[in-house]
Amino acid sequence: MASESEATVTSVEKRPNCPGCGEPWLRPTQLPGRFRCVYCLSRYELVSQCPECGVHQTIARMSTTEDMLCQSCGGSMLSPI
């Protein structure tokens, strides 16, 4: 059985990393498709066009936080707001 500290580390590791500071503290907000980093307090919006390569993706496909990367270039589909 895992201890409480191991369970906490595991849950933090599964959170997406913030595109700004790189820390695993990105959390969804009350608005759909919006995220906020609890560590650096930056805000991001999930966009359908990759900010790095411009390829269009379907936002419905990116419903889970583990799948917020561009399938073409591997860049983040989060845009700062």
Protein backbone atom coordinates (compact mmCIF):
# COMPACT_ATOMS: atom_id res chain seq x y z
CA MET A 1 0.00 0.00 0.00
CA ALA A 2 1.39 3.43 -0.96
CA SER A 3 2.03 6.00 1.71
CA GLU A 4 0.29 9.38 1.64
CA SER A 5 3.43 11.19 0.44
CA GLU A 6 3.84 8.76 -2.49
CA ALA A 7 0.20 9.27 -3.49
CA THR A 8 0.67 13.05 -3.42
CA VAL A 9 3.78 12.88 -5.61
CA THR A 10 2.02 10.59 -8.07
CA SER A 11 -0.98 12.93 -8.42
CA VAL A 12 1.29 15.96 -8.95
CA GLU A 13 3.35 14.16 -11.59
CA LYS A 14 0.22 13.45 -13.65
CA ARG A 15 -0.65 17.16 -13.87
CA PRO A 16 0.46 18.95 -17.05
CA ASN A 17 3.51 21.19 -16.88
CA CYS A 18 3.00 24.94 -17.18
CA PRO A 19 4.30 26.22 -20.55
CA GLY A 20 5.67 29.31 -18.78
CA CYS A 21 7.51 28.05 -15.70
CA GLY A 22 7.63 24.31 -16.43
CA GLU A 23 6.26 23.34 -13.02
CA PRO A 24 3.53 20.64 -12.86
CA TRP A 25 0.91 22.99 -11.35
CA LEU A 26 -1.40 23.69 -14.31
CA ARG A 27 -5.05 23.47 -13.24
CA PRO A 28 -8.32 23.92 -15.18
CA THR A 29 -10.39 27.00 -14.31
CA GLN A 30 -14.16 27.37 -14.23
CA LEU A 31 -14.19 28.36 -17.90
CA PRO A 32 -13.86 25.50 -20.41
CA GLY A 33 -10.52 25.35 -22.18
CA ARG A 34 -8.84 27.75 -19.73
CA PHE A 35 -6.02 26.84 -17.37
CA ARG A 36 -4.06 28.62 -14.65
CA CYS A 37 -0.68 27.74 -13.17
CA VAL A 38 -0.92 27.68 -9.38
CA TYR A 39 2.86 28.20 -9.14
CA CYS A 40 3.46 31.27 -11.38
CA LEU A 41 -0.23 32.36 -11.71
CA SER A 42 -0.03 32.54 -15.53
CA ARG A 43 -3.25 31.91 -17.48
CA TYR A 44 -3.59 29.89 -20.67
CA GLU A 45 -6.28 29.05 -23.20
CA LEU A 46 -6.53 25.81 -25.16
CA VAL A 47 -6.53 26.78 -28.84
CA SER A 48 -7.39 24.80 -31.96
CA GLN A 49 -4.47 26.11 -34.05
CA CYS A 50 -0.96 25.27 -32.85
CA PRO A 51 0.87 28.47 -31.83
CA GLU A 52 4.18 26.99 -33.03
CA CYS A 53 3.47 25.36 -36.41
CA GLY A 54 -0.06 26.59 -37.25
CA VAL A 55 -1.64 23.15 -37.80
CA HIS A 56 -5.33 22.98 -36.88
CA GLN A 57 -6.42 20.36 -34.33
CA THR A 58 -9.83 19.42 -32.96
CA ILE A 59 -10.31 20.72 -29.40
CA ALA A 60 -12.75 17.89 -28.62
CA ARG A 61 -9.84 15.48 -29.11
CA MET A 62 -7.85 17.39 -26.51
CA SER A 63 -10.40 16.94 -23.72
CA THR A 64 -7.87 15.34 -21.39
CA THR A 65 -4.96 17.29 -19.94
CA GLU A 66 -2.50 14.61 -21.05
CA ASP A 67 -3.35 15.33 -24.70
CA MET A 68 -2.66 19.07 -25.04
CA LEU A 69 0.28 18.69 -27.41
CA CYS A 70 0.30 19.28 -31.15
CA GLN A 71 0.35 16.01 -33.07
CA SER A 72 2.51 17.55 -35.80
CA CYS A 73 5.30 19.33 -33.94
CA GLY A 74 4.76 18.28 -30.30
CA GLY A 75 4.37 21.89 -29.14
CA SER A 76 1.88 23.02 -26.52
CA MET A 77 -1.64 23.84 -27.67
CA LEU A 78 -1.95 26.35 -24.84
CA SER A 79 -1.79 30.04 -25.65
CA PRO A 80 -1.10 32.67 -22.94
CA ILE A 81 -3.95 35.05 -22.22
